[in-house]
Amino acid sequence: MLKILSLLAMAMLSTAALAQQKSAADGIAEYRAMLADGNPAELFEARGEDLWKKKRGPKNASLEQCDLGKGPGVVKGAFVELPRWFADTGKVQDLESRLLTCMETLQGLDAKVIAATPFGKGEQVGMEGLTAWISAESKGMPFNLPQSHTQEKVTYELGKRTFFYRAGPYDFSCASCHAQAGKRIRLQDLPELTKNPGDGVGFAAWPAYRVSSGEMWSMQRRLNDCYRQQRFPYPGYASDVTVALGVYMGVNAKGAQSVAPALKR
């Protein structure tokens, strides 16, 4: 009898724990829903659209002829097909690295200087706006990253190896948090990124406005902070490794609808 009562007690505790987890997840969802109508990301979107059309730099040119993969100046639908191969650079590029190319070639700005600028300062502020506006132009569209070019396939494999690579003082990897379903950090659910986690989750939710910091975070900044939490050295902005991770997560997210720029805690 005592054994039966003990098992019943354990079952009740387990049920209570599951209910508590569901309540926490539901609470966060409700919190985001309440703020969604007034997402401050809209302010960044407006800034980004203005910067796209504004003549700047030594060449006094706008970014309106920038090719994001669908032809010069075509923005709608481009975000959900990035990162991808670009023949003019001979590289697989994500949104941020492609923007650096356009800013340098079209406007005469120094891409290396921008890449070395800390987040939230100088030209990086403009980059936040550009990524917000460009991603918003593809909101609701399904991700469909191309994998027809050999280098796109190679970059996917590099991203996969990087995702599972363990190192640092904690022996962490991206997979430590994002390779299994049902994991959480404090009250935050962690999406499983080795497959399509669902519409607007994981890769399909960035860039996003972070309420806790009052800032817009691009995918490059999100990855940078993940490396910080793993106690890894910061990766270079728009580096091959961050682009490769974007390809791996983006291909795995095929079919998921983009909600970027989203709202995060």
C-alpha atoms as a PDB file:
ATOM      1  CA  MET A   1       0.000   0.000   0.000  1.00  0.00           C
ATOM      2  CA  LEU A   2       2.806   2.427   0.920  1.00  0.00           C
ATOM      3  CA  LYS A   3       4.471   1.699  -2.401  1.00  0.00           C
ATOM      4  CA  ILE A   4       1.249   2.470  -4.268  1.00  0.00           C
ATOM      5  CA  LEU A   5       0.763   5.723  -2.338  1.00  0.00           C
ATOM      6  CA  SER A   6       4.352   6.684  -3.065  1.00  0.00           C
ATOM      7  CA  LEU A   7       3.868   6.100  -6.785  1.00  0.00           C
ATOM      8  CA  LEU A   8       0.637   8.120  -6.731  1.00  0.00           C
ATOM      9  CA  ALA A   9       2.401  10.982  -4.957  1.00  0.00           C
ATOM     10  CA  MET A  10       5.196  10.959  -7.553  1.00  0.00           C
ATOM     11  CA  ALA A  11       2.655  10.969 -10.361  1.00  0.00           C
ATOM     12  CA  MET A  12       0.834  13.935  -8.812  1.00  0.00           C
ATOM     13  CA  LEU A  13       4.084  15.880  -8.428  1.00  0.00           C
ATOM     14  CA  SER A  14       4.992  15.126 -12.022  1.00  0.00           C
ATOM     15  CA  THR A  15       1.585  16.303 -13.229  1.00  0.00           C
ATOM     16  CA  ALA A  16       1.882  19.475 -11.150  1.00  0.00           C
ATOM     17  CA  ALA A  17       5.321  20.155 -12.596  1.00  0.00           C
ATOM     18  CA  LEU A  18       4.029  19.725 -16.149  1.00  0.00           C
ATOM     19  CA  ALA A  19       1.104  22.041 -15.408  1.00  0.00           C
ATOM     20  CA  GLN A  20       3.500  24.643 -14.014  1.00  0.00           C
ATOM     21  CA  GLN A  21       5.686  24.437 -17.134  1.00  0.00           C
ATOM     22  CA  LYS A  22       2.660  24.833 -19.392  1.00  0.00           C
ATOM     23  CA  SER A  23       1.478  27.779 -17.345  1.00  0.00           C
ATOM     24  CA  ALA A  24       4.869  29.489 -17.661  1.00  0.00           C
ATOM     25  CA  ALA A  25       4.985  28.936 -21.420  1.00  0.00           C
ATOM     26  CA  ASP A  26       1.398  30.173 -21.784  1.00  0.00           C
ATOM     27  CA  GLY A  27       2.204  33.222 -19.687  1.00  0.00           C
ATOM     28  CA  ILE A  28       5.120  34.186 -21.907  1.00  0.00           C
ATOM     29  CA  ALA A  29       2.957  33.705 -24.999  1.00  0.00           C
ATOM     30  CA  GLU A  30       0.271  35.980 -23.533  1.00  0.00           C
ATOM     31  CA  TYR A  31       2.915  38.567 -22.634  1.00  0.00           C
ATOM     32  CA  ARG A  32       4.169  38.635 -26.224  1.00  0.00           C
ATOM     33  CA  ALA A  33       0.641  38.826 -27.594  1.00  0.00           C
ATOM     34  CA  MET A  34      -0.136  41.873 -25.436  1.00  0.00           C
ATOM     35  CA  LEU A  35       2.927  43.711 -26.732  1.00  0.00           C
ATOM     36  CA  ALA A  36       2.687  42.554 -30.345  1.00  0.00           C
ATOM     37  CA  ASP A  37       0.351  45.333 -31.525  1.00  0.00           C
ATOM     38  CA  GLY A  38       2.845  47.951 -30.436  1.00  0.00           C
ATOM     39  CA  ASN A  39       6.051  46.160 -31.375  1.00  0.00           C
ATOM     40  CA  PRO A  40       8.818  48.814 -31.263  1.00  0.00           C
ATOM     41  CA  ALA A  41      10.402  46.964 -34.188  1.00  0.00           C
ATOM     42  CA  GLU A  42       8.180  49.137 -36.386  1.00  0.00           C
ATOM     43  CA  LEU A  43      10.366  52.139 -35.511  1.00  0.00           C
ATOM     44  CA  PHE A  44      13.448  50.237 -36.677  1.00  0.00           C
ATOM     45  CA  GLU A  45      11.630  49.191 -39.845  1.00  0.00           C
ATOM     46  CA  ALA A  46      10.925  52.835 -40.690  1.00  0.00           C
ATOM     47  CA  ARG A  47      14.563  53.730 -40.128  1.00  0.00           C
ATOM     48  CA  GLY A  48      15.679  50.825 -42.296  1.00  0.00           C
ATOM     49  CA  GLU A  49      13.427  51.768 -45.202  1.00  0.00           C
ATOM     50  CA  ASP A  50      14.741  55.310 -45.049  1.00  0.00           C
ATOM     51  CA  LEU A  51      18.355  54.113 -45.070  1.00  0.00           C
ATOM     52  CA  TRP A  52      17.672  51.804 -48.019  1.00  0.00           C
ATOM     53  CA  LYS A  53      16.469  54.756 -50.110  1.00  0.00           C
ATOM     54  CA  LYS A  54      18.831  57.421 -48.798  1.00  0.00           C
ATOM     55  CA  LYS A  55      21.925  58.448 -50.759  1.00  0.00           C
ATOM     56  CA  ARG A  56      24.962  58.016 -48.521  1.00  0.00           C
ATOM     57  CA  GLY A  57      28.685  57.350 -48.444  1.00  0.00           C
ATOM     58  CA  PRO A  58      31.574  58.533 -50.637  1.00  0.00           C
ATOM     59  CA  LYS A  59      29.637  57.512 -53.767  1.00  0.00           C
ATOM     60  CA  ASN A  60      26.474  59.348 -52.655  1.00  0.00           C
ATOM     61  CA  ALA A  61      24.286  56.404 -53.606  1.00  0.00           C
ATOM     62  CA  SER A  62      21.348  54.535 -52.098  1.00  0.00           C
ATOM     63  CA  LEU A  63      20.994  50.786 -51.616  1.00  0.00           C
ATOM     64  CA  GLU A  64      18.085  50.577 -54.039  1.00  0.00           C
ATOM     65  CA  GLN A  65      20.195  48.625 -56.559  1.00  0.00           C
ATOM     66  CA  CYS A  66      21.405  46.126 -53.955  1.00  0.00           C
ATOM     67  CA  ASP A  67      20.840  42.543 -55.094  1.00  0.00           C
ATOM     68  CA  LEU A  68      19.672  40.414 -52.162  1.00  0.00           C
ATOM     69  CA  GLY A  69      19.273  37.354 -54.351  1.00  0.00           C
ATOM     70  CA  LYS A  70      16.161  38.142 -56.360  1.00  0.00           C
ATOM     71  CA  GLY A  71      17.576  40.869 -58.561  1.00  0.00           C
ATOM     72  CA  PRO A  72      18.746  44.484 -58.009  1.00  0.00           C
ATOM     73  CA  GLY A  73      16.373  46.347 -55.729  1.00  0.00           C
ATOM     74  CA  VAL A  74      13.991  43.437 -55.101  1.00  0.00           C
ATOM     75  CA  VAL A  75      13.347  43.144 -51.368  1.00  0.00           C
ATOM     76  CA  LYS A  76      10.062  41.277 -50.971  1.00  0.00           C
ATOM     77  CA  GLY A  77      10.693  37.553 -50.565  1.00  0.00           C
ATOM     78  CA  ALA A  78      14.477  37.901 -50.400  1.00  0.00           C
ATOM     79  CA  PHE A  79      14.836  37.431 -46.644  1.00  0.00           C
ATOM     80  CA  VAL A  80      13.283  33.955 -46.554  1.00  0.00           C
ATOM     81  CA  GLU A  81      15.836  32.720 -49.110  1.00  0.00           C
ATOM     82  CA  LEU A  82      18.930  33.879 -47.221  1.00  0.00           C
ATOM     83  CA  PRO A  83      21.715  32.848 -46.692  1.00  0.00           C
ATOM     84  CA  ARG A  84      22.414  31.867 -50.301  1.00  0.00           C
ATOM     85  CA  TRP A  85      25.190  31.775 -52.914  1.00  0.00           C
ATOM     86  CA  PHE A  86      26.098  35.020 -54.739  1.00  0.00           C
ATOM     87  CA  ALA A  87      28.101  34.791 -57.947  1.00  0.00           C
ATOM     88  CA  ASP A  88      29.524  38.327 -57.748  1.00  0.00           C
ATOM     89  CA  THR A  89      31.292  37.637 -54.440  1.00  0.00           C
ATOM     90  CA  GLY A  90      31.769  33.893 -54.936  1.00  0.00           C
ATOM     91  CA  LYS A  91      30.424  33.343 -51.424  1.00  0.00           C
ATOM     92  CA  VAL A  92      27.390  32.178 -49.498  1.00  0.00           C
ATOM     93  CA  GLN A  93      26.104  35.261 -47.693  1.00  0.00           C
ATOM     94  CA  ASP A  94      23.417  36.006 -45.140  1.00  0.00           C
ATOM     95  CA  LEU A  95      21.475  39.266 -44.980  1.00  0.00           C
ATOM     96  CA  GLU A  96      24.052  41.159 -42.940  1.00  0.00           C
ATOM     97  CA  SER A  97      27.099  40.099 -44.941  1.00  0.00           C
ATOM     98  CA  ARG A  98      25.245  40.834 -48.188  1.00  0.00           C
ATOM     99  CA  LEU A  99      24.336  44.308 -46.954  1.00  0.00           C
ATOM    100  CA  LEU A 100      28.004  44.925 -46.163  1.00  0.00           C
ATOM    101  CA  THR A 101      28.864  44.024 -49.754  1.00  0.00           C
ATOM    102  CA  CYS A 102      26.246  46.434 -51.118  1.00  0.00           C
ATOM    103  CA  MET A 103      27.241  49.234 -48.754  1.00  0.00           C
ATOM    104  CA  GLU A 104      30.844  48.911 -49.895  1.00  0.00           C
ATOM    105  CA  THR A 105      30.282  48.466 -53.642  1.00  0.00           C
ATOM    106  CA  LEU A 106      27.345  50.838 -54.102  1.00  0.00           C
ATOM    107  CA  GLN A 107      27.997  53.489 -51.465  1.00  0.00           C
ATOM    108  CA  GLY A 108      31.754  53.283 -50.959  1.00  0.00           C
ATOM    109  CA  LEU A 109      31.510  52.580 -47.216  1.00  0.00           C
ATOM    110  CA  ASP A 110      34.197  50.438 -45.563  1.00  0.00           C
ATOM    111  CA  ALA A 111      32.689  47.010 -44.834  1.00  0.00           C
ATOM    112  CA  LYS A 112      35.561  46.011 -42.538  1.00  0.00           C
ATOM    113  CA  VAL A 113      35.074  49.078 -40.359  1.00  0.00           C
ATOM    114  CA  ILE A 114      31.318  48.444 -40.102  1.00  0.00           C
ATOM    115  CA  ALA A 115      31.889  44.771 -39.247  1.00  0.00           C
ATOM    116  CA  ALA A 116      34.306  45.778 -36.486  1.00  0.00           C
ATOM    117  CA  THR A 117      31.878  48.318 -34.990  1.00  0.00           C
ATOM    118  CA  PRO A 118      30.232  47.149 -31.723  1.00  0.00           C
ATOM    119  CA  PHE A 119      26.527  46.324 -31.806  1.00  0.00           C
ATOM    120  CA  GLY A 120      24.300  49.317 -31.165  1.00  0.00           C
ATOM    121  CA  LYS A 121      26.865  51.897 -32.278  1.00  0.00           C
ATOM    122  CA  GLY A 122      27.615  53.815 -35.472  1.00  0.00           C
ATOM    123  CA  GLU A 123      26.686  52.045 -38.692  1.00  0.00           C
ATOM    124  CA  GLN A 124      25.542  49.006 -36.710  1.00  0.00           C
ATOM    125  CA  VAL A 125      22.507  51.027 -35.625  1.00  0.00           C
ATOM    126  CA  GLY A 126      21.652  51.485 -39.282  1.00  0.00           C
ATOM    127  CA  MET A 127      22.237  47.797 -39.917  1.00  0.00           C
ATOM    128  CA  GLU A 128      19.649  46.958 -37.244  1.00  0.00           C
ATOM    129  CA  GLY A 129      17.094  49.085 -39.063  1.00  0.00           C
ATOM    130  CA  LEU A 130      17.920  47.615 -42.464  1.00  0.00           C
ATOM    131  CA  THR A 131      17.571  44.020 -41.252  1.00  0.00           C
ATOM    132  CA  ALA A 132      14.284  44.900 -39.521  1.00  0.00           C
ATOM    133  CA  TRP A 133      12.752  46.458 -42.641  1.00  0.00           C
ATOM    134  CA  ILE A 134      14.026  43.860 -45.102  1.00  0.00           C
ATOM    135  CA  SER A 135      12.827  40.966 -42.940  1.00  0.00           C
ATOM    136  CA  ALA A 136       9.431  42.642 -42.455  1.00  0.00           C
ATOM    137  CA  GLU A 137       8.989  42.724 -46.237  1.00  0.00           C
ATOM    138  CA  SER A 138       8.905  38.904 -46.176  1.00  0.00           C
ATOM    139  CA  LYS A 139       6.750  38.482 -43.070  1.00  0.00           C
ATOM    140  CA  GLY A 140       4.388  35.536 -43.369  1.00  0.00           C
ATOM    141  CA  MET A 141       6.354  33.924 -46.195  1.00  0.00           C
ATOM    142  CA  PRO A 142       7.790  30.403 -45.772  1.00  0.00           C
ATOM    143  CA  PHE A 143      11.540  29.887 -45.543  1.00  0.00           C
ATOM    144  CA  ASN A 144      12.988  28.206 -48.589  1.00  0.00           C
ATOM    145  CA  LEU A 145      16.770  28.500 -48.621  1.00  0.00           C
ATOM    146  CA  PRO A 146      18.324  27.308 -51.890  1.00  0.00           C
ATOM    147  CA  GLN A 147      20.644  24.294 -51.816  1.00  0.00           C
ATOM    148  CA  SER A 148      21.294  23.907 -55.543  1.00  0.00           C
ATOM    149  CA  HIS A 149      24.832  25.333 -55.585  1.00  0.00           C
ATOM    150  CA  THR A 150      27.667  23.114 -54.373  1.00  0.00           C
ATOM    151  CA  GLN A 151      28.915  25.797 -52.010  1.00  0.00           C
ATOM    152  CA  GLU A 152      25.472  26.101 -50.407  1.00  0.00           C
ATOM    153  CA  LYS A 153      25.576  22.386 -49.627  1.00  0.00           C
ATOM    154  CA  VAL A 154      29.141  22.629 -48.295  1.00  0.00           C
ATOM    155  CA  THR A 155      28.156  25.588 -46.095  1.00  0.00           C
ATOM    156  CA  TYR A 156      25.195  23.633 -44.724  1.00  0.00           C
ATOM    157  CA  GLU A 157      27.544  20.816 -43.684  1.00  0.00           C
ATOM    158  CA  LEU A 158      29.935  23.317 -42.099  1.00  0.00           C
ATOM    159  CA  GLY A 159      27.011  24.820 -40.180  1.00  0.00           C
ATOM    160  CA  LYS A 160      25.933  21.374 -39.021  1.00  0.00           C
ATOM    161  CA  ARG A 161      29.414  20.537 -37.717  1.00  0.00           C
ATOM    162  CA  THR A 162      29.625  23.929 -36.014  1.00  0.00           C
ATOM    163  CA  PHE A 163      26.200  23.406 -34.411  1.00  0.00           C
ATOM    164  CA  PHE A 164      27.352  20.164 -32.761  1.00  0.00           C
ATOM    165  CA  TYR A 165      30.924  21.277 -31.993  1.00  0.00           C
ATOM    166  CA  ARG A 166      31.577  21.160 -28.239  1.00  0.00           C
ATOM    167  CA  ALA A 167      34.282  23.278 -26.632  1.00  0.00           C
ATOM    168  CA  GLY A 168      34.916  25.990 -24.079  1.00  0.00           C
ATOM    169  CA  PRO A 169      35.060  25.764 -20.265  1.00  0.00           C
ATOM    170  CA  TYR A 170      31.537  24.288 -20.090  1.00  0.00           C
ATOM    171  CA  ASP A 171      32.000  21.889 -23.031  1.00  0.00           C
ATOM    172  CA  PHE A 172      28.909  23.414 -24.626  1.00  0.00           C
ATOM    173  CA  SER A 173      27.697  23.472 -28.212  1.00  0.00           C
ATOM    174  CA  CYS A 174      24.652  24.938 -29.951  1.00  0.00           C
ATOM    175  CA  ALA A 175      23.197  21.432 -29.703  1.00  0.00           C
ATOM    176  CA  SER A 176      23.476  21.508 -25.898  1.00  0.00           C
ATOM    177  CA  CYS A 177      20.399  23.742 -25.854  1.00  0.00           C
ATOM    178  CA  HIS A 178      18.787  23.231 -29.246  1.00  0.00           C
ATOM    179  CA  ALA A 179      19.055  19.571 -30.278  1.00  0.00           C
ATOM    180  CA  GLN A 180      16.256  18.118 -28.144  1.00  0.00           C
ATOM    181  CA  ALA A 181      12.601  18.957 -27.696  1.00  0.00           C
ATOM    182  CA  GLY A 182      11.234  20.125 -24.352  1.00  0.00           C
ATOM    183  CA  LYS A 183      14.340  21.921 -23.034  1.00  0.00           C
ATOM    184  CA  ARG A 184      14.085  25.185 -21.142  1.00  0.00           C
ATOM    185  CA  ILE A 185      16.272  27.853 -19.563  1.00  0.00           C
ATOM    186  CA  ARG A 186      14.448  29.336 -16.582  1.00  0.00           C
ATOM    187  CA  LEU A 187      10.995  30.049 -18.066  1.00  0.00           C
ATOM    188  CA  GLN A 188      12.165  30.152 -21.673  1.00  0.00           C
ATOM    189  CA  ASP A 189      11.334  27.271 -23.996  1.00  0.00           C
ATOM    190  CA  LEU A 190      14.227  26.305 -26.247  1.00  0.00           C
ATOM    191  CA  PRO A 191      13.320  25.384 -29.834  1.00  0.00           C
ATOM    192  CA  GLU A 192      14.838  22.267 -31.355  1.00  0.00           C
ATOM    193  CA  LEU A 193      16.769  23.624 -34.331  1.00  0.00           C
ATOM    194  CA  THR A 194      17.925  20.375 -35.912  1.00  0.00           C
ATOM    195  CA  LYS A 195      14.540  20.289 -37.669  1.00  0.00           C
ATOM    196  CA  ASN A 196      11.686  22.659 -38.451  1.00  0.00           C
ATOM    197  CA  PRO A 197      10.522  23.848 -35.002  1.00  0.00           C
ATOM    198  CA  GLY A 198       7.356  25.431 -36.416  1.00  0.00           C
ATOM    199  CA  ASP A 199       6.113  28.756 -37.748  1.00  0.00           C
ATOM    200  CA  GLY A 200       7.763  31.802 -36.263  1.00  0.00           C
ATOM    201  CA  VAL A 201       9.993  29.811 -33.908  1.00  0.00           C
ATOM    202  CA  GLY A 202      13.773  29.745 -33.727  1.00  0.00           C
ATOM    203  CA  PHE A 203      15.419  30.875 -36.962  1.00  0.00           C
ATOM    204  CA  ALA A 204      12.081  32.124 -38.334  1.00  0.00           C
ATOM    205  CA  ALA A 205      11.731  34.688 -35.507  1.00  0.00           C
ATOM    206  CA  TRP A 206      14.925  36.710 -35.957  1.00  0.00           C
ATOM    207  CA  PRO A 207      15.703  39.595 -36.175  1.00  0.00           C
ATOM    208  CA  ALA A 208      13.661  40.535 -33.128  1.00  0.00           C
ATOM    209  CA  TYR A 209      13.112  43.385 -30.705  1.00  0.00           C
ATOM    210  CA  ARG A 210      14.408  42.478 -27.238  1.00  0.00           C
ATOM    211  CA  VAL A 211      12.155  44.024 -24.591  1.00  0.00           C
ATOM    212  CA  SER A 212      14.692  43.345 -21.831  1.00  0.00           C
ATOM    213  CA  SER A 213      17.371  45.464 -23.512  1.00  0.00           C
ATOM    214  CA  GLY A 214      15.231  47.790 -25.625  1.00  0.00           C
ATOM    215  CA  GLU A 215      17.236  46.899 -28.724  1.00  0.00           C
ATOM    216  CA  MET A 216      16.799  45.267 -32.107  1.00  0.00           C
ATOM    217  CA  TRP A 217      18.824  42.080 -32.448  1.00  0.00           C
ATOM    218  CA  SER A 218      19.742  40.627 -35.812  1.00  0.00           C
ATOM    219  CA  MET A 219      20.616  36.951 -36.234  1.00  0.00           C
ATOM    220  CA  GLN A 220      24.305  37.912 -36.130  1.00  0.00           C
ATOM    221  CA  ARG A 221      23.816  39.478 -32.707  1.00  0.00           C
ATOM    222  CA  ARG A 222      21.727  36.528 -31.501  1.00  0.00           C
ATOM    223  CA  LEU A 223      24.504  34.108 -32.467  1.00  0.00           C
ATOM    224  CA  ASN A 224      27.104  36.360 -30.878  1.00  0.00           C
ATOM    225  CA  ASP A 225      25.230  36.223 -27.578  1.00  0.00           C
ATOM    226  CA  CYS A 226      24.865  32.437 -27.823  1.00  0.00           C
ATOM    227  CA  TYR A 227      28.635  32.189 -28.094  1.00  0.00           C
ATOM    228  CA  ARG A 228      28.950  34.443 -25.044  1.00  0.00           C
ATOM    229  CA  GLN A 229      26.693  32.137 -23.041  1.00  0.00           C
ATOM    230  CA  GLN A 230      28.789  29.162 -24.110  1.00  0.00           C
ATOM    231  CA  ARG A 231      31.891  31.087 -22.930  1.00  0.00           C
ATOM    232  CA  PHE A 232      33.315  30.926 -26.453  1.00  0.00           C
ATOM    233  CA  PRO A 233      35.261  33.820 -28.005  1.00  0.00           C
ATOM    234  CA  TYR A 234      32.970  36.107 -29.981  1.00  0.00           C
ATOM    235  CA  PRO A 235      32.784  35.171 -33.665  1.00  0.00           C
ATOM    236  CA  GLY A 236      33.602  37.830 -36.229  1.00  0.00           C
ATOM    237  CA  TYR A 237      30.614  39.792 -37.530  1.00  0.00           C
ATOM    238  CA  ALA A 238      29.317  38.210 -40.760  1.00  0.00           C
ATOM    239  CA  SER A 239      32.042  35.574 -40.513  1.00  0.00           C
ATOM    240  CA  ASP A 240      31.947  32.267 -42.385  1.00  0.00           C
ATOM    241  CA  VAL A 241      30.996  30.376 -39.227  1.00  0.00           C
ATOM    242  CA  THR A 242      27.965  32.554 -38.421  1.00  0.00           C
ATOM    243  CA  VAL A 243      26.798  32.422 -42.030  1.00  0.00           C
ATOM    244  CA  ALA A 244      27.177  28.627 -41.992  1.00  0.00           C
ATOM    245  CA  LEU A 245      25.080  28.364 -38.840  1.00  0.00           C
ATOM    246  CA  GLY A 246      22.451  30.493 -40.555  1.00  0.00           C
ATOM    247  CA  VAL A 247      22.398  28.126 -43.530  1.00  0.00           C
ATOM    248  CA  TYR A 248      22.060  25.072 -41.282  1.00  0.00           C
ATOM    249  CA  MET A 249      19.212  26.524 -39.227  1.00  0.00           C
ATOM    250  CA  GLY A 250      17.563  28.149 -42.224  1.00  0.00           C
ATOM    251  CA  VAL A 251      17.490  24.992 -44.330  1.00  0.00           C
ATOM    252  CA  ASN A 252      16.137  23.059 -41.334  1.00  0.00           C
ATOM    253  CA  ALA A 253      13.399  25.685 -40.980  1.00  0.00           C
ATOM    254  CA  LYS A 254      12.109  25.122 -44.530  1.00  0.00           C
ATOM    255  CA  GLY A 255       8.392  25.832 -44.743  1.00  0.00           C
ATOM    256  CA  ALA A 256       8.211  27.760 -41.482  1.00  0.00           C
ATOM    257  CA  GLN A 257       6.625  31.173 -41.858  1.00  0.00           C
ATOM    258  CA  SER A 258       8.764  34.158 -40.939  1.00  0.00           C
ATOM    259  CA  VAL A 259       7.417  36.435 -38.205  1.00  0.00           C
ATOM    260  CA  ALA A 260      10.490  38.685 -38.211  1.00  0.00           C
ATOM    261  CA  PRO A 261      11.019  41.158 -36.840  1.00  0.00           C
ATOM    262  CA  ALA A 262       9.522  39.385 -33.851  1.00  0.00           C
ATOM    263  CA  LEU A 263       9.204  40.359 -30.198  1.00  0.00           C
ATOM    264  CA  LYS A 264      11.381  38.688 -27.555  1.00  0.00           C
ATOM    265  CA  ARG A 265      11.650  38.991 -23.805  1.00  0.00           C
END
